[in-house]
């Protein structure tokens, strides 16, 4: 994998205590273990991991407080499987996109990243909006289909279609794509 690539994990630290959260949890649980394994593989290759997460009204950027608060919700099972490691980056976002109102662009520039692997939830909202903003900033994008989930499977698939068609991103299962070829130009 190219060393100018980063794994972005979107909103996996999540209470899921909203209307529809039970459906999101149902679709997220099966992919969480795969995402955890994928993260481990990429870290072994030396790629940085950046969590980009909703703030849940905790604006002090204290990651441990955010995690503790989110574990109080139905998303606890997911959180426990995908906790950030000490050397992972963690960015708190105010809205849907990981770029809007955050230091993500500055961090990516500092890390000399040009290729983004976008994963997490919800595929049809925060992953899609982050992918759109990444495209607008001219990043190359890969969204592993088996590492994103939405409340409804159809919505997730529709988001992936938009990501492929309109944002020219690569998609495909994390286990079936040649990772060394995904960002070849």
N, C-alpha and C. Protein backbone atom coordinates (compact mmCIF):
# COMPACT_ATOMS: atom_id res chain seq x y z
N UNK A 1 0.86 -1.19 0.00
CA UNK A 1 0.00 0.00 0.00
C UNK A 1 0.89 1.23 0.00
N UNK A 2 0.48 2.23 -0.75
CA UNK A 2 1.25 3.47 -0.83
C UNK A 2 1.33 4.13 0.55
N UNK A 3 2.48 4.68 0.85
CA UNK A 3 2.67 5.31 2.15
C UNK A 3 2.06 6.71 2.23
N UNK A 4 1.48 7.18 1.12
CA UNK A 4 0.77 8.46 1.16
C UNK A 4 -0.73 8.23 1.31
N UNK A 5 -1.06 7.15 2.01
CA UNK A 5 -2.44 6.73 2.20
C UNK A 5 -2.77 6.70 3.69
N UNK A 6 -4.01 7.07 4.02
CA UNK A 6 -4.47 7.00 5.42
C UNK A 6 -5.83 6.31 5.48
N UNK A 7 -6.05 5.61 6.57
CA UNK A 7 -7.34 5.01 6.86
C UNK A 7 -8.13 6.00 7.71
N UNK A 8 -9.32 6.34 7.24
CA UNK A 8 -10.22 7.22 7.99
C UNK A 8 -11.37 6.38 8.51
N UNK A 9 -11.60 6.41 9.81
CA UNK A 9 -12.70 5.66 10.45
C UNK A 9 -13.70 6.70 10.95
N UNK A 10 -14.88 6.69 10.34
CA UNK A 10 -15.87 7.74 10.56
C UNK A 10 -16.99 7.27 11.51
N UNK A 11 -17.17 7.98 12.60
CA UNK A 11 -18.31 7.86 13.51
C UNK A 11 -18.54 6.49 14.13
N UNK A 12 -17.50 5.68 14.23
CA UNK A 12 -17.69 4.36 14.84
C UNK A 12 -17.81 4.44 16.37
N UNK A 13 -17.39 5.54 16.95
CA UNK A 13 -17.63 5.77 18.38
C UNK A 13 -18.97 6.50 18.43
N UNK A 14 -20.03 5.75 18.70
CA UNK A 14 -21.37 6.27 18.46
C UNK A 14 -22.36 5.67 19.45
N UNK A 15 -23.18 6.51 20.03
CA UNK A 15 -24.21 6.04 20.96
C UNK A 15 -25.28 5.21 20.27
N UNK A 16 -25.61 5.59 19.05
CA UNK A 16 -26.70 4.96 18.28
C UNK A 16 -28.01 5.02 19.04
N UNK A 17 -28.24 6.10 19.76
CA UNK A 17 -29.45 6.24 20.57
C UNK A 17 -30.50 7.13 19.91
N UNK A 18 -30.45 7.25 18.60
CA UNK A 18 -31.38 8.08 17.83
C UNK A 18 -32.40 7.18 17.12
N UNK A 19 -33.46 7.78 16.59
CA UNK A 19 -34.43 7.01 15.81
C UNK A 19 -33.71 6.37 14.64
N UNK A 20 -33.83 5.08 14.53
CA UNK A 20 -33.15 4.34 13.48
C UNK A 20 -31.81 3.78 13.92
N UNK A 21 -31.36 4.17 15.10
CA UNK A 21 -30.08 3.69 15.60
C UNK A 21 -30.03 2.18 15.77
N UNK A 22 -31.17 1.59 16.08
CA UNK A 22 -31.21 0.13 16.23
C UNK A 22 -30.91 -0.55 14.90
N UNK A 23 -31.36 0.05 13.79
CA UNK A 23 -31.09 -0.52 12.46
C UNK A 23 -29.63 -0.30 12.08
N UNK A 24 -29.11 0.86 12.42
CA UNK A 24 -27.70 1.13 12.16
C UNK A 24 -26.83 0.14 12.93
N UNK A 25 -27.16 -0.10 14.18
CA UNK A 25 -26.42 -1.07 14.98
C UNK A 25 -26.49 -2.46 14.35
N UNK A 26 -27.66 -2.85 13.91
CA UNK A 26 -27.85 -4.17 13.28
C UNK A 26 -26.94 -4.34 12.06
N UNK A 27 -26.78 -3.28 11.26
CA UNK A 27 -25.95 -3.36 10.06
C UNK A 27 -24.47 -3.10 10.34
N UNK A 28 -24.18 -2.46 11.47
CA UNK A 28 -22.79 -2.13 11.80
C UNK A 28 -22.08 -3.29 12.48
N UNK A 29 -22.78 -4.00 13.34
CA UNK A 29 -22.14 -5.10 14.08
C UNK A 29 -21.43 -6.10 13.17
N UNK A 30 -22.04 -6.56 12.07
CA UNK A 30 -21.35 -7.55 11.23
C UNK A 30 -20.07 -7.02 10.57
N UNK A 31 -19.98 -5.73 10.32
CA UNK A 31 -18.79 -5.20 9.65
C UNK A 31 -17.72 -4.72 10.63
N UNK A 32 -18.04 -4.63 11.90
CA UNK A 32 -17.09 -4.07 12.87
C UNK A 32 -15.85 -4.93 13.02
N UNK A 33 -16.02 -6.23 13.10
CA UNK A 33 -14.86 -7.12 13.23
C UNK A 33 -13.98 -7.03 11.99
N UNK A 34 -14.61 -6.97 10.81
CA UNK A 34 -13.83 -6.84 9.57
C UNK A 34 -13.04 -5.53 9.57
N UNK A 35 -13.69 -4.44 9.97
CA UNK A 35 -13.00 -3.16 10.02
C UNK A 35 -11.84 -3.20 11.01
N UNK A 36 -12.06 -3.83 12.14
CA UNK A 36 -10.98 -3.95 13.13
C UNK A 36 -9.78 -4.69 12.55
N UNK A 37 -10.03 -5.80 11.87
CA UNK A 37 -8.95 -6.57 11.24
C UNK A 37 -8.26 -5.76 10.14
N UNK A 38 -9.06 -5.07 9.34
CA UNK A 38 -8.54 -4.25 8.25
C UNK A 38 -7.64 -3.15 8.81
N UNK A 39 -8.10 -2.51 9.88
CA UNK A 39 -7.31 -1.46 10.54
C UNK A 39 -5.97 -2.03 10.99
N UNK A 40 -6.00 -3.20 11.61
CA UNK A 40 -4.78 -3.83 12.10
C UNK A 40 -3.81 -4.12 10.95
N UNK A 41 -4.33 -4.63 9.83
CA UNK A 41 -3.50 -4.93 8.66
C UNK A 41 -2.84 -3.66 8.12
N UNK A 42 -3.62 -2.59 8.01
CA UNK A 42 -3.09 -1.35 7.46
C UNK A 42 -2.06 -0.72 8.39
N UNK A 43 -2.30 -0.82 9.70
CA UNK A 43 -1.31 -0.28 10.66
C UNK A 43 0.00 -1.05 10.56
N UNK A 44 -0.09 -2.36 10.35
CA UNK A 44 1.12 -3.16 10.19
C UNK A 44 1.91 -2.74 8.95
N UNK A 45 1.21 -2.18 7.96
CA UNK A 45 1.85 -1.68 6.75
C UNK A 45 2.36 -0.25 6.95
N UNK A 46 2.13 0.32 8.12
CA UNK A 46 2.65 1.65 8.43
C UNK A 46 1.72 2.80 8.07
N UNK A 47 0.47 2.51 7.74
CA UNK A 47 -0.46 3.58 7.39
C UNK A 47 -1.03 4.23 8.65
N UNK A 48 -1.21 5.55 8.62
CA UNK A 48 -1.84 6.22 9.76
C UNK A 48 -3.34 5.93 9.79
N UNK A 49 -3.88 5.91 10.98
CA UNK A 49 -5.32 5.71 11.20
C UNK A 49 -5.85 6.97 11.85
N UNK A 50 -6.91 7.51 11.23
CA UNK A 50 -7.51 8.74 11.74
C UNK A 50 -8.99 8.49 12.00
N UNK A 51 -9.38 8.59 13.25
CA UNK A 51 -10.79 8.55 13.61
C UNK A 51 -11.35 9.96 13.44
N UNK A 52 -12.48 10.06 12.77
CA UNK A 52 -13.18 11.33 12.63
C UNK A 52 -14.58 11.05 13.17
N UNK A 53 -14.96 11.77 14.20
CA UNK A 53 -16.14 11.38 14.95
C UNK A 53 -17.03 12.55 15.34
N UNK A 54 -18.34 12.28 15.39
CA UNK A 54 -19.29 13.27 15.90
C UNK A 54 -18.91 13.64 17.33
N UNK A 55 -19.35 14.83 17.74
CA UNK A 55 -18.95 15.35 19.05
C UNK A 55 -19.89 14.97 20.18
N UNK A 56 -21.14 14.62 19.88
CA UNK A 56 -22.12 14.28 20.91
C UNK A 56 -22.18 15.34 22.01
N UNK A 57 -22.07 16.60 21.58
CA UNK A 57 -22.14 17.76 22.47
C UNK A 57 -20.97 17.85 23.46
N UNK A 58 -19.91 17.09 23.21
CA UNK A 58 -18.71 17.18 24.03
C UNK A 58 -17.66 17.90 23.21
N UNK A 59 -17.55 19.18 23.41
CA UNK A 59 -16.73 20.04 22.57
C UNK A 59 -15.30 20.23 23.07
N UNK A 60 -14.92 19.60 24.17
CA UNK A 60 -13.59 19.83 24.71
C UNK A 60 -12.51 18.96 24.08
N UNK A 61 -12.84 18.19 23.05
CA UNK A 61 -11.88 17.34 22.37
C UNK A 61 -11.23 16.32 23.31
N UNK A 62 -11.94 15.90 24.33
CA UNK A 62 -11.42 14.90 25.24
C UNK A 62 -11.93 13.54 24.77
N UNK A 63 -11.06 12.79 24.13
CA UNK A 63 -11.46 11.53 23.50
C UNK A 63 -12.00 10.53 24.52
N UNK A 64 -11.35 10.40 25.65
CA UNK A 64 -11.80 9.40 26.62
C UNK A 64 -13.20 9.74 27.16
N UNK A 65 -13.48 11.02 27.37
CA UNK A 65 -14.83 11.41 27.80
C UNK A 65 -15.87 11.08 26.73
N UNK A 66 -15.53 11.33 25.48
CA UNK A 66 -16.44 11.03 24.38
C UNK A 66 -16.72 9.53 24.30
N UNK A 67 -15.67 8.74 24.41
CA UNK A 67 -15.84 7.28 24.37
C UNK A 67 -16.69 6.81 25.54
N UNK A 68 -16.40 7.30 26.74
CA UNK A 68 -17.19 6.90 27.92
C UNK A 68 -18.65 7.27 27.75
N UNK A 69 -18.92 8.46 27.23
CA UNK A 69 -20.31 8.89 27.03
C UNK A 69 -21.00 8.01 26.00
N UNK A 70 -20.34 7.71 24.92
CA UNK A 70 -20.96 6.90 23.86
C UNK A 70 -21.19 5.46 24.29
N UNK A 71 -20.34 4.94 25.19
CA UNK A 71 -20.53 3.58 25.69
C UNK A 71 -21.82 3.44 26.50
N UNK A 72 -22.42 4.55 26.90
CA UNK A 72 -23.68 4.51 27.64
C UNK A 72 -24.85 4.20 26.72
N UNK A 73 -24.65 4.28 25.42
CA UNK A 73 -25.71 4.02 24.45
C UNK A 73 -25.66 2.60 23.93
N UNK A 74 -26.55 2.32 22.98
CA UNK A 74 -26.64 0.96 22.42
C UNK A 74 -25.44 0.62 21.54
N UNK A 75 -24.60 1.58 21.19
CA UNK A 75 -23.44 1.33 20.36
C UNK A 75 -22.23 0.76 21.10
N UNK A 76 -22.40 0.46 22.38
CA UNK A 76 -21.28 0.00 23.21
C UNK A 76 -20.56 -1.21 22.61
N UNK A 77 -21.30 -2.18 22.07
CA UNK A 77 -20.68 -3.37 21.50
C UNK A 77 -19.75 -3.04 20.34
N UNK A 78 -20.15 -2.08 19.53
CA UNK A 78 -19.32 -1.65 18.41
C UNK A 78 -18.08 -0.93 18.93
N UNK A 79 -18.28 0.00 19.84
CA UNK A 79 -17.18 0.81 20.37
C UNK A 79 -16.09 -0.08 20.96
N UNK A 80 -16.49 -1.08 21.72
CA UNK A 80 -15.52 -1.94 22.38
C UNK A 80 -14.66 -2.72 21.38
N UNK A 81 -15.18 -2.95 20.17
CA UNK A 81 -14.43 -3.69 19.16
C UNK A 81 -13.50 -2.80 18.32
N UNK A 82 -13.76 -1.50 18.31
CA UNK A 82 -13.05 -0.63 17.38
C UNK A 82 -12.43 0.59 18.09
N UNK A 83 -12.10 0.43 19.34
CA UNK A 83 -11.49 1.53 20.09
C UNK A 83 -10.21 2.02 19.41
N UNK A 84 -9.96 3.32 19.46
CA UNK A 84 -8.71 3.83 18.90
C UNK A 84 -7.51 3.38 19.73
N UNK A 85 -6.41 3.14 19.04
CA UNK A 85 -5.15 2.83 19.71
C UNK A 85 -4.50 4.15 20.11
N UNK A 86 -3.56 4.06 21.01
CA UNK A 86 -2.89 5.26 21.52
C UNK A 86 -2.24 6.09 20.41
N UNK A 87 -1.73 5.43 19.36
CA UNK A 87 -1.05 6.15 18.29
C UNK A 87 -1.97 6.55 17.13
N UNK A 88 -3.27 6.29 17.25
CA UNK A 88 -4.23 6.73 16.23
C UNK A 88 -4.56 8.21 16.46
N UNK A 89 -4.89 8.88 15.39
CA UNK A 89 -5.34 10.27 15.47
C UNK A 89 -6.84 10.26 15.72
N UNK A 90 -7.34 11.29 16.40
CA UNK A 90 -8.77 11.37 16.69
C UNK A 90 -9.21 12.82 16.51
N UNK A 91 -10.13 13.03 15.58
CA UNK A 91 -10.64 14.36 15.28
C UNK A 91 -12.13 14.39 15.56
N UNK A 92 -12.56 15.39 16.30
CA UNK A 92 -13.98 15.55 16.60
C UNK A 92 -14.57 16.54 15.59
N UNK A 93 -15.69 16.14 14.98
CA UNK A 93 -16.31 16.97 13.94
C UNK A 93 -17.66 17.51 14.40
N UNK A 94 -18.05 18.68 13.90
CA UNK A 94 -19.32 19.27 14.30
C UNK A 94 -20.50 18.87 13.43
N UNK A 95 -20.24 18.42 12.22
CA UNK A 95 -21.30 18.10 11.26
C UNK A 95 -20.99 16.79 10.55
N UNK A 96 -21.67 16.55 9.45
CA UNK A 96 -21.59 15.27 8.75
C UNK A 96 -20.22 14.98 8.13
N UNK A 97 -19.62 15.95 7.49
CA UNK A 97 -18.35 15.72 6.82
C UNK A 97 -17.18 15.77 7.79
N UNK A 98 -16.23 14.87 7.58
CA UNK A 98 -15.02 14.88 8.39
C UNK A 98 -14.14 16.09 8.14
N UNK A 99 -14.40 16.80 7.05
CA UNK A 99 -13.60 17.98 6.72
C UNK A 99 -14.19 19.27 7.27
N UNK A 100 -15.51 19.33 7.39
CA UNK A 100 -16.18 20.57 7.76
C UNK A 100 -15.85 20.96 9.20
N UNK A 101 -15.21 22.12 9.36
CA UNK A 101 -14.94 22.65 10.69
C UNK A 101 -13.93 21.86 11.50
N UNK A 102 -13.07 21.07 10.82
CA UNK A 102 -12.07 20.27 11.55
C UNK A 102 -10.68 20.57 11.01
N UNK A 103 -9.69 20.00 11.66
CA UNK A 103 -8.30 20.13 11.23
C UNK A 103 -7.87 18.96 10.35
N UNK A 104 -8.82 18.19 9.79
CA UNK A 104 -8.47 17.02 8.99
C UNK A 104 -7.58 17.38 7.80
N UNK A 105 -7.91 18.42 7.06
CA UNK A 105 -7.09 18.80 5.90
C UNK A 105 -5.65 19.12 6.31
N UNK A 106 -5.50 19.81 7.41
CA UNK A 106 -4.16 20.18 7.89
C UNK A 106 -3.38 18.93 8.30
N UNK A 107 -4.04 18.01 8.99
CA UNK A 107 -3.38 16.77 9.40
C UNK A 107 -2.96 15.96 8.17
N UNK A 108 -3.85 15.82 7.20
CA UNK A 108 -3.52 15.05 6.00
C UNK A 108 -2.35 15.68 5.24
N UNK A 109 -2.33 16.98 5.19
CA UNK A 109 -1.21 17.67 4.54
C UNK A 109 0.09 17.41 5.31
N UNK A 110 0.03 17.50 6.62
CA UNK A 110 1.20 17.25 7.46
C UNK A 110 1.73 15.82 7.26
N UNK A 111 0.82 14.86 7.12
CA UNK A 111 1.19 13.46 6.93
C UNK A 111 1.55 13.14 5.48
N UNK A 112 1.40 14.14 4.61
CA UNK A 112 1.65 13.98 3.17
C UNK A 112 0.78 12.89 2.56
N UNK A 113 -0.49 12.89 2.94
CA UNK A 113 -1.46 11.92 2.45
C UNK A 113 -2.18 12.46 1.23
N UNK A 114 -2.31 11.62 0.20
CA UNK A 114 -3.06 11.96 -1.02
C UNK A 114 -4.18 10.96 -1.28
N UNK A 115 -4.13 9.82 -0.62
CA UNK A 115 -5.10 8.75 -0.84
C UNK A 115 -5.82 8.44 0.48
N UNK A 116 -7.14 8.37 0.39
CA UNK A 116 -7.94 8.12 1.59
C UNK A 116 -8.72 6.83 1.46
N UNK A 117 -8.69 6.03 2.50
CA UNK A 117 -9.56 4.86 2.62
C UNK A 117 -10.62 5.26 3.63
N UNK A 118 -11.85 5.42 3.16
CA UNK A 118 -12.95 5.88 4.02
C UNK A 118 -13.79 4.70 4.47
N UNK A 119 -13.99 4.61 5.78
CA UNK A 119 -14.76 3.53 6.38
C UNK A 119 -15.66 4.11 7.46
N UNK A 120 -16.61 3.31 7.94
CA UNK A 120 -17.41 3.71 9.09
C UNK A 120 -18.89 3.83 8.81
N UNK A 121 -19.53 4.70 9.59
CA UNK A 121 -20.98 4.87 9.52
C UNK A 121 -21.32 6.36 9.52
N UNK A 122 -22.41 6.71 9.08
CA UNK A 122 -23.32 5.99 8.22
C UNK A 122 -22.90 6.24 6.77
N UNK A 123 -22.89 5.16 6.00
CA UNK A 123 -22.43 5.23 4.63
C UNK A 123 -23.18 6.25 3.80
N UNK A 124 -24.46 6.39 4.07
CA UNK A 124 -25.30 7.29 3.26
C UNK A 124 -25.31 8.72 3.78
N UNK A 125 -24.61 8.98 4.85
CA UNK A 125 -24.57 10.36 5.37
C UNK A 125 -23.11 10.77 5.56
N UNK A 126 -22.53 10.44 6.68
CA UNK A 126 -21.21 10.96 7.04
C UNK A 126 -20.10 10.43 6.15
N UNK A 127 -20.15 9.16 5.76
CA UNK A 127 -19.14 8.63 4.85
C UNK A 127 -19.29 9.31 3.48
N UNK A 128 -20.52 9.41 2.99
CA UNK A 128 -20.78 10.05 1.71
C UNK A 128 -20.35 11.52 1.72
N UNK A 129 -20.70 12.26 2.76
CA UNK A 129 -20.35 13.68 2.82
C UNK A 129 -18.83 13.87 2.93
N UNK A 130 -18.17 13.00 3.69
CA UNK A 130 -16.72 13.07 3.79
C UNK A 130 -16.07 12.73 2.46
N UNK A 131 -16.61 11.72 1.78
CA UNK A 131 -16.09 11.35 0.45
C UNK A 131 -16.26 12.51 -0.53
N UNK A 132 -17.41 13.17 -0.48
CA UNK A 132 -17.64 14.32 -1.36
C UNK A 132 -16.60 15.41 -1.10
N UNK A 133 -16.39 15.74 0.16
CA UNK A 133 -15.42 16.79 0.49
C UNK A 133 -13.99 16.36 0.14
N UNK A 134 -13.69 15.08 0.27
CA UNK A 134 -12.37 14.57 -0.12
C UNK A 134 -12.18 14.71 -1.62
N UNK A 135 -13.21 14.39 -2.37
CA UNK A 135 -13.17 14.53 -3.83
C UNK A 135 -12.96 16.00 -4.22
N UNK A 136 -13.66 16.90 -3.55
CA UNK A 136 -13.53 18.33 -3.85
C UNK A 136 -12.11 18.82 -3.56
N UNK A 137 -11.41 18.14 -2.67
CA UNK A 137 -10.03 18.51 -2.32
C UNK A 137 -9.01 17.69 -3.12
N UNK A 138 -9.51 16.93 -4.08
CA UNK A 138 -8.70 16.17 -5.03
C UNK A 138 -7.91 15.01 -4.42
N UNK A 139 -8.47 14.40 -3.38
CA UNK A 139 -7.89 13.16 -2.86
C UNK A 139 -8.39 12.00 -3.71
N UNK A 140 -7.57 10.96 -3.82
CA UNK A 140 -8.03 9.70 -4.39
C UNK A 140 -8.69 8.94 -3.26
N UNK A 141 -9.80 8.28 -3.57
CA UNK A 141 -10.66 7.71 -2.53
C UNK A 141 -10.92 6.23 -2.82
N UNK A 142 -10.87 5.44 -1.76
CA UNK A 142 -11.32 4.05 -1.80
C UNK A 142 -12.26 3.86 -0.62
N UNK A 143 -13.44 3.32 -0.89
CA UNK A 143 -14.41 3.01 0.15
C UNK A 143 -14.65 1.50 0.13
N UNK A 144 -14.03 0.75 1.03
CA UNK A 144 -14.27 -0.68 1.08
C UNK A 144 -15.72 -0.95 1.49
N UNK A 145 -16.46 -1.58 0.61
CA UNK A 145 -17.90 -1.79 0.82
C UNK A 145 -18.21 -2.57 2.09
N UNK A 146 -17.32 -3.46 2.48
CA UNK A 146 -17.57 -4.29 3.66
C UNK A 146 -17.11 -3.61 4.95
N UNK A 147 -16.74 -2.34 4.85
CA UNK A 147 -16.31 -1.57 6.03
C UNK A 147 -17.12 -0.30 6.20
N UNK A 148 -18.33 -0.27 5.61
CA UNK A 148 -19.27 0.84 5.81
C UNK A 148 -20.65 0.25 6.03
N UNK A 149 -21.48 0.98 6.78
CA UNK A 149 -22.84 0.53 7.03
C UNK A 149 -23.74 1.76 7.19
N UNK A 150 -25.02 1.54 6.90
CA UNK A 150 -26.04 2.58 7.06
C UNK A 150 -27.25 1.96 7.75
N UNK A 151 -28.22 2.80 8.10
CA UNK A 151 -29.44 2.28 8.73
C UNK A 151 -30.15 1.28 7.83
N UNK A 152 -30.20 1.59 6.54
CA UNK A 152 -30.87 0.72 5.57
C UNK A 152 -29.85 0.26 4.53
N UNK A 153 -29.88 -1.02 4.18
CA UNK A 153 -28.93 -1.57 3.21
C UNK A 153 -29.06 -0.88 1.85
N UNK A 154 -30.30 -0.59 1.42
CA UNK A 154 -30.50 0.08 0.13
C UNK A 154 -29.86 1.46 0.13
N UNK A 155 -29.99 2.17 1.23
CA UNK A 155 -29.38 3.50 1.32
C UNK A 155 -27.86 3.40 1.25
N UNK A 156 -27.31 2.38 1.87
CA UNK A 156 -25.86 2.18 1.83
C UNK A 156 -25.41 1.91 0.39
N UNK A 157 -26.13 1.03 -0.29
CA UNK A 157 -25.76 0.71 -1.67
C UNK A 157 -25.91 1.93 -2.58
N UNK A 158 -26.97 2.72 -2.38
CA UNK A 158 -27.14 3.94 -3.18
C UNK A 158 -26.00 4.93 -2.94
N UNK A 159 -25.57 5.05 -1.70
CA UNK A 159 -24.44 5.94 -1.40
C UNK A 159 -23.18 5.44 -2.10
N UNK A 160 -22.95 4.14 -2.08
CA UNK A 160 -21.77 3.59 -2.75
C UNK A 160 -21.84 3.84 -4.26
N UNK A 161 -23.03 3.77 -4.83
CA UNK A 161 -23.19 4.07 -6.26
C UNK A 161 -22.82 5.52 -6.55
N UNK A 162 -23.26 6.44 -5.71
CA UNK A 162 -22.92 7.86 -5.88
C UNK A 162 -21.41 8.05 -5.72
N UNK A 163 -20.85 7.41 -4.74
CA UNK A 163 -19.41 7.53 -4.49
C UNK A 163 -18.62 7.03 -5.70
N UNK A 164 -19.06 5.93 -6.29
CA UNK A 164 -18.38 5.41 -7.49
C UNK A 164 -18.59 6.31 -8.70
N UNK A 165 -19.85 6.64 -8.97
CA UNK A 165 -20.21 7.35 -10.19
C UNK A 165 -19.82 8.83 -10.16
N UNK A 166 -20.14 9.51 -9.10
CA UNK A 166 -19.97 10.96 -9.06
C UNK A 166 -18.65 11.42 -8.47
N UNK A 167 -18.07 10.61 -7.60
CA UNK A 167 -16.82 11.00 -6.94
C UNK A 167 -15.63 10.21 -7.47
N UNK A 168 -15.90 9.31 -8.42
CA UNK A 168 -14.86 8.52 -9.09
C UNK A 168 -13.99 7.75 -8.10
N UNK A 169 -14.60 7.34 -7.02
CA UNK A 169 -13.88 6.57 -6.01
C UNK A 169 -13.94 5.09 -6.36
N UNK A 170 -12.96 4.38 -5.85
CA UNK A 170 -12.96 2.94 -5.99
C UNK A 170 -13.75 2.36 -4.82
N UNK A 171 -14.44 1.28 -5.10
CA UNK A 171 -15.12 0.54 -4.04
C UNK A 171 -14.80 -0.94 -4.28
N UNK A 172 -15.28 -1.77 -3.42
CA UNK A 172 -15.00 -3.20 -3.48
C UNK A 172 -14.71 -3.68 -2.08
N UNK A 173 -14.81 -4.97 -1.90
CA UNK A 173 -14.57 -5.52 -0.56
C UNK A 173 -13.10 -5.40 -0.19
N UNK A 174 -12.87 -5.12 1.07
CA UNK A 174 -11.49 -4.94 1.56
C UNK A 174 -10.65 -6.18 1.35
N UNK A 175 -11.28 -7.33 1.33
CA UNK A 175 -10.57 -8.60 1.20
C UNK A 175 -10.38 -9.02 -0.25
N UNK A 176 -11.07 -8.37 -1.18
CA UNK A 176 -11.02 -8.79 -2.58
C UNK A 176 -10.29 -7.81 -3.49
N UNK A 177 -9.89 -6.68 -2.96
CA UNK A 177 -9.22 -5.66 -3.76
C UNK A 177 -7.71 -5.79 -3.55
N UNK A 178 -6.95 -5.70 -4.63
CA UNK A 178 -5.50 -5.68 -4.52
C UNK A 178 -5.12 -4.30 -3.98
N UNK A 179 -4.77 -4.25 -2.71
CA UNK A 179 -4.51 -2.96 -2.05
C UNK A 179 -3.34 -2.22 -2.67
N UNK A 180 -2.42 -2.94 -3.28
CA UNK A 180 -1.28 -2.26 -3.91
C UNK A 180 -1.67 -1.63 -5.24
N UNK A 181 -2.80 -2.03 -5.80
CA UNK A 181 -3.26 -1.51 -7.08
C UNK A 181 -4.33 -0.44 -6.93
N UNK A 182 -4.95 -0.35 -5.77
CA UNK A 182 -6.13 0.50 -5.61
C UNK A 182 -5.85 1.97 -5.91
N UNK A 183 -4.67 2.45 -5.60
CA UNK A 183 -4.35 3.86 -5.83
C UNK A 183 -3.29 4.04 -6.92
N UNK A 184 -3.08 3.02 -7.75
CA UNK A 184 -2.11 3.18 -8.84
C UNK A 184 -2.68 4.14 -9.89
N UNK A 185 -1.85 4.96 -10.42
CA UNK A 185 -2.30 5.98 -11.38
C UNK A 185 -1.80 5.64 -12.76
